[in-house]
């Protein structure tokens, strides 16, 4: 498997507080990997470290084999990384189309027509809502905009932070189907998620974080059957 992303023995601090301790993980080109764990386990910090919002105290972040540990966020985005943040983080006073256009801000001067065609095929509702203020959309529609905005940068690696948070059970099912559809286009996905059963049902592989360390890793189907994971995260 060709490694698109690799965290190599990464340790991260917030001030004097250690959040991640020597974690190593990989995401292959076109692979869907989920990162599981409870609250305060370090999942979101892992994504921030990959994107460059947080710099590791030690260890390396590699993209396509290149050491990007010291690269700023825009340079990593230009390299093909995008994020769908927790709670969506839309600009509520901008329209749906304006929010989507912000995802392509590093592609100044390029035509976005093909990108909008692909997005509207994936999210037909966004075509209907293109002139509506993002802040007036339902939670499910806002999640579509957040995913669409990330896809506008044409990422090779899509980071997703708790994509099912705040959604109804019916919308959670729809949301995971959309993630599967995005993955089927060849985009690699690293998904942080507390809904372990749903995440593992669509993932290729998974990692489990506990207090900043990876305590379990493996093929998704095998993790679903793992007794320790069932007790800790699946409630059985």
Protein backbone atom coordinates (compact mmCIF):
# COMPACT_ATOMS: atom_id res chain seq x y z
CA UNK A 1 0.00 0.00 0.00
CA UNK A 2 1.34 3.43 -0.97
CA UNK A 3 1.30 5.70 2.08
CA UNK A 4 -0.32 9.08 1.44
CA UNK A 5 -0.18 10.20 5.08
CA UNK A 6 2.11 9.02 7.84
CA UNK A 7 2.44 10.17 11.42
CA UNK A 8 5.79 8.97 12.71
CA UNK A 9 6.10 8.82 16.52
CA UNK A 10 4.31 12.16 17.01
CA UNK A 11 4.14 13.76 20.46
CA UNK A 12 2.11 16.94 20.86
CA UNK A 13 1.68 19.34 23.78
CA UNK A 14 -0.69 22.18 24.61
CA UNK A 15 1.52 24.30 26.82
CA UNK A 16 2.85 21.89 29.45
CA UNK A 17 0.08 19.35 28.90
CA UNK A 18 0.95 16.37 26.73
CA UNK A 19 -1.96 15.47 24.42
CA UNK A 20 -0.44 12.94 22.02
CA UNK A 21 2.34 10.55 23.02
CA UNK A 22 4.38 8.88 20.32
CA UNK A 23 1.53 8.04 17.94
CA UNK A 24 2.20 6.48 14.56
CA UNK A 25 -0.44 5.87 11.91
CA UNK A 26 -0.80 5.66 8.15
CA UNK A 27 -3.45 6.36 5.55
CA UNK A 28 -2.90 4.84 2.14
CA UNK A 29 -3.83 6.48 -1.15
CA UNK A 30 -7.59 6.05 -1.64
CA UNK A 31 -8.05 4.42 1.79
CA UNK A 32 -10.77 5.16 4.37
CA UNK A 33 -9.40 5.01 7.92
CA UNK A 34 -11.28 5.82 11.11
CA UNK A 35 -9.79 7.13 14.34
CA UNK A 36 -11.83 6.14 17.38
CA UNK A 37 -11.68 7.09 21.03
CA UNK A 38 -13.54 8.71 23.88
CA UNK A 39 -13.65 12.36 24.83
CA UNK A 40 -10.24 13.98 25.44
CA UNK A 41 -8.44 11.02 23.87
CA UNK A 42 -6.58 13.24 21.38
CA UNK A 43 -8.57 12.59 18.22
CA UNK A 44 -9.15 16.22 17.19
CA UNK A 45 -5.58 17.15 18.14
CA UNK A 46 -4.38 14.44 15.75
CA UNK A 47 -6.28 16.08 12.88
CA UNK A 48 -5.00 19.54 13.85
CA UNK A 49 -1.46 18.17 13.86
CA UNK A 50 -1.91 16.70 10.38
CA UNK A 51 -3.31 19.99 9.07
CA UNK A 52 -0.57 22.04 10.73
CA UNK A 53 -2.73 23.99 13.21
CA UNK A 54 -0.77 22.28 16.00
CA UNK A 55 2.95 21.51 15.67
CA UNK A 56 4.32 18.35 17.29
CA UNK A 57 6.98 18.60 19.99
CA UNK A 58 8.66 15.58 18.41
CA UNK A 59 8.05 13.16 15.55
CA UNK A 60 7.18 13.80 11.90
CA UNK A 61 4.19 14.33 9.64
CA UNK A 62 4.73 12.95 6.14
CA UNK A 63 2.63 13.52 3.01
CA UNK A 64 3.57 11.45 -0.01
CA UNK A 65 6.84 10.72 1.75
CA UNK A 66 7.71 14.42 2.14
CA UNK A 67 8.34 15.72 5.65
CA UNK A 68 5.74 18.51 6.11
CA UNK A 69 6.11 18.84 9.90
CA UNK A 70 7.15 22.48 9.65
CA UNK A 71 4.91 23.45 6.75
CA UNK A 72 2.18 26.07 7.31
CA UNK A 73 -1.49 25.17 6.86
CA UNK A 74 -1.96 26.72 3.37
CA UNK A 75 0.99 24.78 1.97
CA UNK A 76 -0.46 21.51 3.29
CA UNK A 77 -3.85 22.33 1.78
CA UNK A 78 -2.14 23.04 -1.54
CA UNK A 79 -0.50 19.61 -1.18
CA UNK A 80 -3.96 18.02 -1.15
CA UNK A 81 -5.24 18.01 2.45
CA UNK A 82 -8.68 19.36 3.44
CA UNK A 83 -10.77 19.17 6.60
CA UNK A 84 -14.46 19.00 7.47
CA UNK A 85 -14.27 20.48 10.98
CA UNK A 86 -16.29 19.53 14.01
CA UNK A 87 -19.59 21.46 14.18
CA UNK A 88 -19.17 22.38 10.49
CA UNK A 89 -17.90 25.99 11.09
CA UNK A 90 -19.77 27.60 8.21
CA UNK A 91 -20.09 31.33 7.56
CA UNK A 92 -23.76 31.69 8.39
CA UNK A 93 -24.25 35.11 6.77
CA UNK A 94 -22.84 33.93 3.45
CA UNK A 95 -24.81 31.92 0.91
CA UNK A 96 -24.27 28.24 0.27
CA UNK A 97 -22.43 29.01 -2.97
CA UNK A 98 -20.20 31.59 -1.27
CA UNK A 99 -19.27 29.09 1.45
CA UNK A 100 -18.42 26.51 -1.21
CA UNK A 101 -16.31 28.99 -3.14
CA UNK A 102 -14.20 29.59 -0.03
CA UNK A 103 -13.03 25.99 -0.29
CA UNK A 104 -11.33 26.86 -3.57
CA UNK A 105 -9.64 30.02 -2.32
CA UNK A 106 -6.16 28.62 -3.08
CA UNK A 107 -7.23 27.92 -6.67
CA UNK A 108 -7.57 31.56 -7.72
CA UNK A 109 -8.20 32.05 -11.40
CA UNK A 110 -9.34 28.48 -12.06
CA UNK A 111 -12.80 27.68 -13.38
CA UNK A 112 -15.01 26.07 -10.74
CA UNK A 113 -17.79 24.97 -13.09
CA UNK A 114 -16.76 21.31 -13.17
CA UNK A 115 -16.36 21.27 -9.39
CA UNK A 116 -19.88 22.61 -8.88
CA UNK A 117 -21.24 20.03 -11.31
CA UNK A 118 -19.61 17.23 -9.31
CA UNK A 119 -20.82 18.67 -6.01
CA UNK A 120 -24.37 19.10 -7.20
CA UNK A 121 -24.38 15.51 -8.44
CA UNK A 122 -23.23 14.39 -4.99
CA UNK A 123 -25.41 16.87 -3.07
CA UNK A 124 -28.47 17.78 -5.21
CA UNK A 125 -29.90 19.72 -2.26
CA UNK A 126 -27.06 22.24 -2.45
CA UNK A 127 -28.09 23.21 -5.97
CA UNK A 128 -31.58 23.96 -4.65
CA UNK A 129 -30.13 25.93 -1.72
CA UNK A 130 -27.25 27.67 -3.51
CA UNK A 131 -28.55 31.21 -2.84
CA UNK A 132 -29.78 30.54 0.71
CA UNK A 133 -27.81 31.80 3.73
CA UNK A 134 -25.87 28.90 5.22
CA UNK A 135 -26.97 29.81 8.74
CA UNK A 136 -30.62 29.11 7.85
CA UNK A 137 -30.00 25.51 6.68
CA UNK A 138 -30.83 22.39 8.65
CA UNK A 139 -28.02 20.52 10.41
CA UNK A 140 -27.89 17.87 7.70
CA UNK A 141 -27.74 20.50 4.95
CA UNK A 142 -24.99 22.38 6.77
CA UNK A 143 -22.98 19.17 6.96
CA UNK A 144 -23.34 18.80 3.18
CA UNK A 145 -22.01 22.34 2.72
CA UNK A 146 -19.07 21.64 5.03
CA UNK A 147 -18.16 18.51 3.08
CA UNK A 148 -18.70 20.28 -0.23
CA UNK A 149 -16.49 23.19 0.82
CA UNK A 150 -13.66 20.78 1.64
CA UNK A 151 -14.07 18.97 -1.69
CA UNK A 152 -13.78 22.25 -3.60
CA UNK A 153 -10.04 22.22 -2.91
CA UNK A 154 -9.84 18.91 -4.82
CA UNK A 155 -8.20 17.08 -1.89
CA UNK A 156 -6.40 13.78 -2.04
CA UNK A 157 -6.80 13.40 1.73
CA UNK A 158 -10.01 14.46 3.48
CA UNK A 159 -9.93 14.83 7.26
CA UNK A 160 -13.33 14.57 8.95
CA UNK A 161 -13.89 15.55 12.59
CA UNK A 162 -17.02 13.96 14.12
CA UNK A 163 -19.17 14.10 10.94
CA UNK A 164 -22.22 12.57 12.65
CA UNK A 165 -22.26 14.98 15.61
CA UNK A 166 -25.63 16.65 16.18
CA UNK A 167 -27.43 14.76 13.40
CA UNK A 168 -30.59 12.68 13.76
CA UNK A 169 -30.23 8.89 13.35
CA UNK A 170 -31.71 9.05 9.84
CA UNK A 171 -29.29 11.79 8.82
CA UNK A 172 -26.37 9.91 10.36
CA UNK A 173 -27.10 6.99 8.03
CA UNK A 174 -27.33 9.34 5.05
CA UNK A 175 -24.14 11.12 6.09
CA UNK A 176 -22.10 7.92 6.23
CA UNK A 177 -23.43 6.91 2.81
CA UNK A 178 -22.18 10.22 1.42
CA UNK A 179 -18.77 9.63 3.01
CA UNK A 180 -18.68 6.21 1.32
CA UNK A 181 -19.58 7.86 -1.99
CA UNK A 182 -16.76 10.40 -1.57
CA UNK A 183 -14.33 7.60 -0.76
CA UNK A 184 -15.48 5.71 -3.87
CA UNK A 185 -14.25 8.61 -6.03
CA UNK A 186 -10.68 7.87 -4.91
CA UNK A 187 -10.33 10.44 -2.14
CA UNK A 188 -8.53 9.10 0.94
CA UNK A 189 -10.41 9.78 4.19
CA UNK A 190 -9.24 9.93 7.80
CA UNK A 191 -12.37 10.16 9.93
CA UNK A 192 -12.54 10.93 13.63
CA UNK A 193 -15.80 9.54 14.97
CA UNK A 194 -17.41 8.45 18.25
CA UNK A 195 -19.99 6.29 16.48
CA UNK A 196 -17.62 3.33 16.28
CA UNK A 197 -20.06 0.87 14.73
CA UNK A 198 -21.00 3.14 11.83
CA UNK A 199 -17.43 4.31 11.25
CA UNK A 200 -15.99 0.79 11.15
CA UNK A 201 -18.81 -0.41 8.90
CA UNK A 202 -17.53 1.77 6.04
CA UNK A 203 -13.81 1.96 6.87
CA UNK A 204 -10.92 -0.11 5.55
CA UNK A 205 -8.92 0.12 8.78
CA UNK A 206 -9.15 1.74 12.18
CA UNK A 207 -7.08 3.05 15.08
CA UNK A 208 -8.21 3.48 18.68
CA UNK A 209 -6.81 6.33 20.79
CA UNK A 210 -6.84 6.40 24.59
CA UNK A 211 -5.32 9.33 26.54
CA UNK A 212 -3.13 10.29 23.62
CA UNK A 213 -1.78 6.85 22.70
CA UNK A 214 -2.87 4.33 20.09
CA UNK A 215 -3.99 1.24 21.97
CA UNK A 216 -5.53 -0.77 19.14
CA UNK A 217 -5.23 -0.87 15.35
CA UNK A 218 -6.33 -3.19 12.60
CA UNK A 219 -8.65 -4.03 9.74
CA UNK A 220 -12.09 -2.52 10.36
CA UNK A 221 -13.99 -5.79 10.18
CA UNK A 222 -11.66 -7.36 12.74
CA UNK A 223 -11.93 -4.38 15.10
CA UNK A 224 -15.72 -4.71 15.04
CA UNK A 225 -15.28 -8.20 16.47
CA UNK A 226 -12.63 -7.22 19.01
CA UNK A 227 -13.81 -7.88 22.57
CA UNK A 228 -11.97 -4.93 24.12
CA UNK A 229 -13.35 -2.51 21.55
CA UNK A 230 -16.86 -3.86 22.01
CA UNK A 231 -16.68 -3.28 25.75
CA UNK A 232 -15.12 0.17 25.55
CA UNK A 233 -16.89 1.74 22.56
CA UNK A 234 -19.74 -0.43 21.37
CA UNK A 235 -21.40 -1.01 24.73
CA UNK A 236 -21.40 -4.82 24.51
